[in-house]
Each structure stands twice: as C-alpha cells, then as structure tokens.
Amino acid sequence: MYPDTSKTILCGLFGYSRQAWYENKNRQSHSQMQEVFLLKLAKQLRSEHKRMGAEKLLLLLSDTLQEHQIKCGRDKFYDILGAHGLLVKHRKRGPKTTNSNHFYRKFPNLIRDIQLSSAGKLWVSDITYIRTEMGFVYLSLITDAYSKKIVGWSLWPDLTSEGALNALKMAISIEGVKQGLIHHSDRGIQYCCNDYVNYLKGSKINISMTEKGDPYENAIAERINGILKHEYDLVDTFTDYYSTLEAVKTAINKYNNQRPHRSVNMLVPSKAHQMTGQLEKHWKKKQLPLSKKSGVSQKDVMTNQ
C-alpha cells in the first residue's frame, strides 16, 4: 500500500467502502480459522480411522461442525484434504487364500436375486491373510449380509478349518440361528470339509456357495476384508500373533460401531443390525458384463462401501 494514500481512497478505486474492505478481511480470517479447525478434527479422526474415505469422515464430523456453525460441503472437504495431502491412496490387493481344488461336495448358490429385510437371514463368510514377522496368520470372518455387521471372527495360525469353524461358532453363540438362515461362502476346502458342513447342518443352517469362482458371487465378504485391511491397517506387518490379535479386535470394533456404511443408508453396521425393511444404498453402481451377473440381488459393482 502506498504510504501517502488512505485506505478509503484505495477502496473507492475498486468500488468498495473502507468498512467493506475490513469486513472482507475479517471473513477471510474467519474462513481460514474454520479450515484450520476442520483439519484438526479430520486429523484426529483419521488417527482412529486411517484409511476411511473423505465422505465418511465428513459424516462423522457433521455434528461437531454444526455445533460450531461451520458449513462445509463434500466437494470443499475433498479439496481441503487434497490440498493438505490427506486423501487416501489405494493399495493393490494381495493374493487369495481359496483352494477349491478338492474332492468335497460343492453346494449350489442359493442367494441369487435374494431380497433381505432384516438381519439373521444371510451370513457371508471369507478368509484373508495378515502378515506378521513370524509368517502369515489367517482371519476368518462371518458377516450379516443385511446389516454388514461382522457377527463372527477368528484369527488362526494356519489355513485349516479350525479358524473358519471358530468364527462360525462365535456367530451362532452371539446371534443364534433364525429360521431359514443361509450361510454363503466360496468353495474353499475350509467351508466344504466334513467338519464345517456337518456343523452347519447340525445347526439347521442352509448352505450356499459360489459356483464359478467369481468374486462377485461373494462380493460382500470380499469387500469387508478390504475395508478391514486397507482402512484399519490390517495390511501392515505385525510383530507376532498376539499383536495381530489386538489389532484385529480394534479394527472390528471400529468397523462395527463407528464406521458409516454406504450400503446400509450410511448407518454403522451395529445400528443397521437393529433395523428392518429395505435400507437405502448410497454407493454408485456400475453395470457388470453379462458373464459377471451372479451372486446377491445387486448385480452391480460396489465402488465404495
């Protein structure tokens, strides 16, 4: 600013009053302070959910922002996180753990075009690996397909059927077995072996399996694995089995009770588990090729749950 020229004259040259200049300066300062506050909140939340998507972070922050009368839309929030290097970078998927080359019976797919209106009607199962400095350990999960809540799990040191069976027993112990319940899985030997099949039959649970080795036939279970590994750091290498076990407990608790889920009306799974009726889906859908149309009723790719 020129030393011999007043703010009033300079503001007048641009069609503003002196008061308007100060008000604009104050608004800019206030906006910058709000952005700093917003970033602080986002970083605190990201420390708990390190790979959660920006839209879900904003949803979890919405109440706090409203209390402080801060307005921030999705696009603005993306821009702020992007400008500070806080957007999540996706990682490549690891190898699969399914071995379907065995002599055990493989059951048909019972869940094509199935419509769910409550929890306890369909459980989906899968196994994923986690690295430790001592070698691999294997996480078996059972998820309720309606609510996306993990209802049973087991961390096991090998790929024998004990881990998968322990997860099933946990789910039955906690949830019980409703009439007509279907258990859906891939055709891996852990799910086809006599011990697992006999336990399902003894518990009066209907058995359903993928038929063509297509991941879309078990898309929900595959997606839950990805969320736990890439949003809650289970893709990391842990010291040993026990440190991995603690990390798994923490990840599942956060997933079930804190993480909003696109396919259950942006509810957390534990809340969705209590609901009935059709839950609105908020994920974008992409039509699959005809060769891929199999599995659950939504014959679409879930781009981000």
Protein backbone atom coordinates (compact mmCIF):
# COMPACT_ATOMS: atom_id res chain seq x y z
CA MET A 1 0.00 0.00 0.00
CA TYR A 2 1.25 3.45 -0.89
CA PRO A 3 2.18 5.38 2.31
CA ASP A 4 0.53 8.64 1.24
CA THR A 5 -2.74 7.06 0.08
CA SER A 6 -5.54 6.32 2.53
CA LYS A 7 -7.49 3.01 2.60
CA THR A 8 -10.65 4.99 1.85
CA ILE A 9 -9.25 6.28 -1.47
CA LEU A 10 -7.84 2.89 -2.48
CA CYS A 11 -11.07 1.08 -1.64
CA GLY A 12 -13.02 3.64 -3.62
CA LEU A 13 -10.89 2.93 -6.70
CA PHE A 14 -12.16 -0.67 -6.62
CA GLY A 15 -15.75 0.23 -5.78
CA TYR A 16 -15.60 -0.78 -2.10
CA SER A 17 -16.10 1.16 1.10
CA ARG A 18 -13.49 1.10 3.86
CA GLN A 19 -15.96 -0.86 6.02
CA ALA A 20 -16.49 -3.46 3.27
CA TRP A 21 -12.71 -3.93 2.98
CA TYR A 22 -12.40 -4.69 6.70
CA GLU A 23 -15.44 -6.98 6.65
CA ASN A 24 -13.97 -8.95 3.76
CA LYS A 25 -10.63 -9.21 5.56
CA ASN A 26 -12.39 -10.49 8.69
CA ARG A 27 -14.36 -13.02 6.66
CA GLN A 28 -11.17 -14.35 5.10
CA SER A 29 -9.53 -14.64 8.51
CA HIS A 30 -12.61 -16.39 9.93
CA SER A 31 -12.71 -18.80 6.98
CA GLN A 32 -9.04 -19.66 7.46
CA MET A 33 -9.57 -20.32 11.16
CA GLN A 34 -12.50 -22.62 10.33
CA GLU A 35 -10.34 -24.53 7.87
CA VAL A 36 -7.59 -24.98 10.47
CA PHE A 37 -10.18 -26.23 12.97
CA LEU A 38 -11.67 -28.58 10.38
CA LEU A 39 -8.25 -30.01 9.52
CA LYS A 40 -7.51 -30.59 13.19
CA LEU A 41 -10.75 -32.55 13.60
CA ALA A 42 -10.12 -34.56 10.43
CA LYS A 43 -6.59 -35.48 11.53
CA GLN A 44 -7.84 -36.58 14.96
CA LEU A 45 -10.49 -38.78 13.38
CA ARG A 46 -8.06 -40.13 10.78
CA SER A 47 -5.78 -41.27 13.60
CA GLU A 48 -8.57 -43.69 14.58
CA HIS A 49 -9.69 -44.49 11.01
CA LYS A 50 -6.51 -44.08 8.99
CA ARG A 51 -7.89 -45.10 5.62
CA MET A 52 -11.54 -44.08 5.90
CA GLY A 53 -12.88 -42.24 2.86
CA ALA A 54 -13.38 -38.47 2.94
CA GLU A 55 -17.17 -38.63 2.65
CA LYS A 56 -17.45 -40.84 5.73
CA LEU A 57 -15.04 -38.62 7.66
CA LEU A 58 -17.24 -35.64 6.85
CA LEU A 59 -20.34 -37.53 8.01
CA LEU A 60 -18.73 -38.35 11.35
CA LEU A 61 -17.70 -34.70 11.73
CA SER A 62 -21.11 -33.27 10.79
CA ASP A 63 -22.48 -32.92 14.33
CA THR A 64 -19.34 -31.17 15.58
CA LEU A 65 -19.29 -28.83 12.58
CA GLN A 66 -22.94 -27.98 13.13
CA GLU A 67 -22.31 -27.18 16.79
CA HIS A 68 -19.59 -24.72 15.73
CA GLN A 69 -21.74 -23.35 12.88
CA ILE A 70 -19.23 -24.40 10.25
CA LYS A 71 -20.60 -25.16 6.80
CA CYS A 72 -18.56 -27.48 4.63
CA GLY A 73 -19.86 -29.45 1.64
CA ARG A 74 -18.40 -32.64 0.27
CA ASP A 75 -16.50 -31.03 -2.61
CA LYS A 76 -14.97 -28.38 -0.37
CA PHE A 77 -13.96 -31.03 2.17
CA TYR A 78 -12.29 -33.10 -0.59
CA ASP A 79 -10.43 -30.00 -1.77
CA ILE A 80 -9.21 -29.19 1.75
CA LEU A 81 -8.00 -32.75 2.39
CA GLY A 82 -6.39 -32.92 -1.04
CA ALA A 83 -4.58 -29.63 -0.58
CA HIS A 84 -3.01 -30.98 2.62
CA GLY A 85 -2.21 -34.48 1.32
CA LEU A 86 -4.85 -36.19 3.45
CA LEU A 87 -6.76 -38.14 0.80
CA VAL A 88 -6.41 -41.92 0.92
CA LYS A 89 -4.20 -43.61 -1.64
CA HIS A 90 -5.46 -47.05 -2.62
CA ARG A 91 -3.21 -50.08 -2.41
CA LYS A 92 -3.08 -53.16 -4.61
CA ARG A 93 -4.88 -56.27 -3.45
CA GLY A 94 -2.94 -59.28 -2.24
CA PRO A 95 -3.23 -62.95 -3.23
CA LYS A 96 -6.29 -65.07 -2.46
CA THR A 97 -6.50 -67.82 0.13
CA THR A 98 -9.13 -70.03 -1.54
CA ASN A 99 -8.36 -73.58 -2.62
CA SER A 100 -11.40 -75.09 -4.34
CA ASN A 101 -9.47 -77.95 -5.95
CA HIS A 102 -10.65 -80.71 -3.61
CA PHE A 103 -12.95 -83.74 -3.58
CA TYR A 104 -15.53 -82.43 -1.06
CA ARG A 105 -19.07 -81.64 -2.17
CA LYS A 106 -19.63 -78.13 -3.51
CA PHE A 107 -23.09 -76.71 -2.81
CA PRO A 108 -25.16 -74.58 -5.23
CA ASN A 109 -25.58 -70.82 -5.00
CA LEU A 110 -28.86 -70.11 -3.16
CA ILE A 111 -28.67 -66.33 -2.94
CA ARG A 112 -29.16 -65.11 -6.50
CA ASP A 113 -31.75 -62.32 -6.50
CA ILE A 114 -32.29 -62.70 -2.76
CA GLN A 115 -34.07 -59.78 -1.07
CA LEU A 116 -33.26 -59.13 2.59
CA SER A 117 -35.46 -57.19 5.01
CA SER A 118 -33.75 -57.94 8.33
CA ALA A 119 -30.61 -59.30 9.90
CA GLY A 120 -30.12 -63.00 10.57
CA LYS A 121 -31.26 -64.24 7.16
CA LEU A 122 -27.94 -64.44 5.29
CA TRP A 123 -24.38 -64.75 6.56
CA VAL A 124 -21.43 -64.44 4.18
CA SER A 125 -18.01 -65.86 5.01
CA ASP A 126 -14.47 -65.41 3.82
CA ILE A 127 -10.83 -65.78 4.89
CA THR A 128 -8.00 -63.31 4.43
CA TYR A 129 -4.33 -63.36 5.37
CA ILE A 130 -2.41 -60.93 7.59
CA ARG A 131 1.38 -60.63 7.65
CA THR A 132 3.48 -60.98 10.78
CA GLU A 133 7.24 -61.07 11.24
CA MET A 134 6.81 -64.75 12.11
CA GLY A 135 4.80 -65.58 8.96
CA PHE A 136 1.17 -65.37 7.89
CA VAL A 137 -1.91 -65.67 10.11
CA TYR A 138 -5.45 -66.02 8.76
CA LEU A 139 -8.60 -64.08 9.66
CA SER A 140 -11.95 -65.84 9.17
CA LEU A 141 -14.99 -63.56 9.10
CA ILE A 142 -18.73 -64.08 9.10
CA THR A 143 -20.76 -61.00 8.16
CA ASP A 144 -24.50 -60.43 8.21
CA ALA A 145 -25.37 -59.50 4.62
CA TYR A 146 -28.29 -57.24 5.58
CA SER A 147 -26.52 -55.02 8.12
CA LYS A 148 -22.90 -55.62 7.03
CA LYS A 149 -22.08 -56.29 10.70
CA ILE A 150 -19.29 -58.77 11.44
CA VAL A 151 -21.03 -61.33 13.67
CA GLY A 152 -18.24 -63.90 14.00
CA TRP A 153 -14.49 -63.97 13.51
CA SER A 154 -11.37 -65.94 14.34
CA LEU A 155 -7.65 -65.30 13.88
CA TRP A 156 -5.86 -68.60 13.29
CA PRO A 157 -2.19 -69.50 12.64
CA ASP A 158 -2.92 -71.72 9.62
CA LEU A 159 -5.49 -72.37 6.87
CA THR A 160 -7.03 -75.48 8.42
CA SER A 161 -10.77 -75.50 9.07
CA GLU A 162 -10.47 -74.70 12.80
CA GLY A 163 -10.26 -70.95 12.22
CA ALA A 164 -13.35 -70.83 10.00
CA LEU A 165 -15.23 -73.14 12.36
CA ASN A 166 -14.39 -70.97 15.37
CA ALA A 167 -15.78 -67.91 13.55
CA LEU A 168 -18.99 -69.82 12.80
CA LYS A 169 -19.35 -70.94 16.41
CA MET A 170 -18.92 -67.34 17.60
CA ALA A 171 -21.61 -66.12 15.23
CA ILE A 172 -24.08 -68.80 16.35
CA SER A 173 -23.29 -68.18 20.02
CA ILE A 174 -23.87 -64.42 19.75
CA GLU A 175 -26.63 -64.24 17.14
CA GLY A 176 -28.44 -67.54 17.42
CA VAL A 177 -29.93 -69.17 14.33
CA LYS A 178 -33.09 -67.76 12.79
CA GLN A 179 -35.33 -69.98 10.70
CA GLY A 180 -34.21 -70.14 7.09
CA LEU A 181 -30.73 -68.70 7.74
CA ILE A 182 -28.36 -69.18 4.79
CA HIS A 183 -24.58 -69.44 5.11
CA HIS A 184 -22.83 -68.36 1.89
CA SER A 185 -19.13 -68.81 1.14
CA ASP A 186 -16.69 -69.59 -1.62
CA ARG A 187 -15.86 -73.22 -2.40
CA GLY A 188 -12.67 -73.30 -0.37
CA ILE A 189 -11.80 -76.53 1.38
CA GLN A 190 -12.34 -74.93 4.81
CA TYR A 191 -16.06 -74.46 4.04
CA CYS A 192 -16.59 -77.72 2.15
CA CYS A 193 -14.87 -80.09 4.58
CA ASN A 194 -16.94 -82.52 6.64
CA ASP A 195 -16.42 -80.74 9.98
CA TYR A 196 -17.71 -77.40 8.71
CA VAL A 197 -20.60 -78.77 6.64
CA ASN A 198 -21.77 -81.07 9.44
CA TYR A 199 -21.75 -78.17 11.91
CA LEU A 200 -23.88 -76.08 9.56
CA LYS A 201 -26.31 -78.93 9.04
CA GLY A 202 -26.45 -79.69 12.76
CA SER A 203 -27.28 -76.04 13.41
CA LYS A 204 -30.04 -76.14 10.74
CA ILE A 205 -28.33 -73.54 8.58
CA ASN A 206 -28.80 -73.74 4.81
CA ILE A 207 -25.58 -73.97 2.79
CA SER A 208 -24.85 -71.82 -0.26
CA MET A 209 -21.60 -71.47 -2.21
CA THR A 210 -20.20 -69.65 -5.21
CA GLU A 211 -20.32 -71.71 -8.35
CA LYS A 212 -17.82 -70.26 -10.82
CA GLY A 213 -15.02 -68.90 -8.65
CA ASP A 214 -16.33 -65.42 -9.40
CA PRO A 215 -15.54 -62.86 -6.62
CA TYR A 216 -18.81 -61.07 -7.38
CA GLU A 217 -20.67 -64.13 -6.10
CA ASN A 218 -19.28 -63.32 -2.66
CA ALA A 219 -18.81 -59.58 -3.08
CA ILE A 220 -19.93 -58.51 0.39
CA ALA A 221 -17.44 -60.75 2.19
CA GLU A 222 -14.63 -59.71 -0.17
CA ARG A 223 -15.43 -56.04 0.43
CA ILE A 224 -15.40 -56.39 4.23
CA ASN A 225 -11.93 -57.95 4.04
CA GLY A 226 -10.73 -54.99 2.01
CA ILE A 227 -12.17 -52.44 4.42
CA LEU A 228 -10.53 -54.03 7.46
CA LYS A 229 -7.16 -54.37 5.76
CA HIS A 230 -6.93 -51.04 3.96
CA GLU A 231 -8.88 -48.69 6.23
CA TYR A 232 -7.82 -50.16 9.57
CA ASP A 233 -4.19 -51.06 8.84
CA LEU A 234 -4.52 -54.85 8.84
CA VAL A 235 -2.49 -54.71 5.64
CA ASP A 236 0.54 -53.86 7.82
CA THR A 237 3.11 -56.38 9.06
CA PHE A 238 2.73 -57.11 12.78
CA THR A 239 5.26 -58.42 15.27
CA ASP A 240 3.51 -61.69 16.14
CA TYR A 241 0.15 -63.40 16.51
CA TYR A 242 -0.79 -61.57 19.72
CA SER A 243 -0.13 -58.08 18.40
CA THR A 244 -2.15 -59.01 15.32
CA LEU A 245 -4.99 -60.26 17.51
CA GLU A 246 -5.22 -56.94 19.34
CA ALA A 247 -5.19 -55.04 16.05
CA VAL A 248 -7.99 -57.26 14.69
CA LYS A 249 -10.13 -56.70 17.80
CA THR A 250 -9.71 -52.93 17.48
CA ALA A 251 -10.41 -52.94 13.73
CA ILE A 252 -13.59 -55.00 14.02
CA ASN A 253 -14.88 -52.87 16.89
CA LYS A 254 -14.33 -49.68 14.90
CA TYR A 255 -15.84 -51.19 11.77
CA ASN A 256 -18.98 -52.47 13.53
CA ASN A 257 -19.61 -49.49 15.80
CA GLN A 258 -18.04 -46.36 14.30
CA ARG A 259 -17.79 -46.63 10.50
CA PRO A 260 -20.78 -45.48 8.39
CA HIS A 261 -21.57 -47.90 5.57
CA ARG A 262 -22.84 -46.76 2.18
CA SER A 263 -24.97 -49.84 1.52
CA VAL A 264 -26.95 -49.54 4.77
CA ASN A 265 -28.11 -45.91 4.50
CA MET A 266 -24.83 -44.60 5.92
CA LEU A 267 -25.54 -46.23 9.29
CA VAL A 268 -22.87 -48.03 11.28
CA PRO A 269 -23.36 -51.82 10.96
CA SER A 270 -24.29 -52.33 14.63
CA LYS A 271 -27.12 -49.81 14.21
CA ALA A 272 -28.24 -51.24 10.87
CA HIS A 273 -28.33 -54.67 12.52
CA GLN A 274 -31.30 -53.49 14.60
CA MET A 275 -33.29 -52.22 11.63
CA THR A 276 -35.90 -53.91 9.45
CA GLY A 277 -37.08 -53.19 5.95
CA GLN A 278 -35.06 -52.20 2.91
CA LEU A 279 -32.07 -49.99 3.67
CA GLU A 280 -31.21 -47.26 1.20
CA LYS A 281 -27.94 -47.68 -0.65
CA HIS A 282 -25.63 -44.74 -1.33
CA TRP A 283 -22.87 -46.35 -3.34
CA LYS A 284 -22.51 -45.76 -7.05
CA LYS A 285 -23.43 -48.66 -9.28
CA LYS A 286 -21.70 -49.85 -12.43
CA GLN A 287 -23.40 -52.43 -14.61
CA LEU A 288 -21.47 -55.69 -14.91
CA PRO A 289 -20.88 -57.65 -18.11
CA LEU A 290 -23.40 -60.45 -18.61
CA SER A 291 -20.75 -63.02 -17.66
CA LYS A 292 -20.38 -61.39 -14.24
CA LYS A 293 -24.07 -61.19 -13.29
CA SER A 294 -24.28 -63.66 -10.40
CA GLY A 295 -24.50 -63.68 -6.64
CA VAL A 296 -26.62 -61.39 -4.50
CA SER A 297 -29.52 -59.37 -5.84
CA GLN A 298 -27.48 -56.24 -6.62
CA LYS A 299 -25.78 -57.19 -9.88
CA ASP A 300 -23.58 -54.17 -9.74
CA VAL A 301 -20.09 -53.36 -8.61
CA MET A 302 -19.97 -51.56 -5.26
CA THR A 303 -17.37 -48.91 -5.94
CA ASN A 304 -17.07 -47.73 -2.35
CA GLN A 305 -18.87 -49.12 0.67
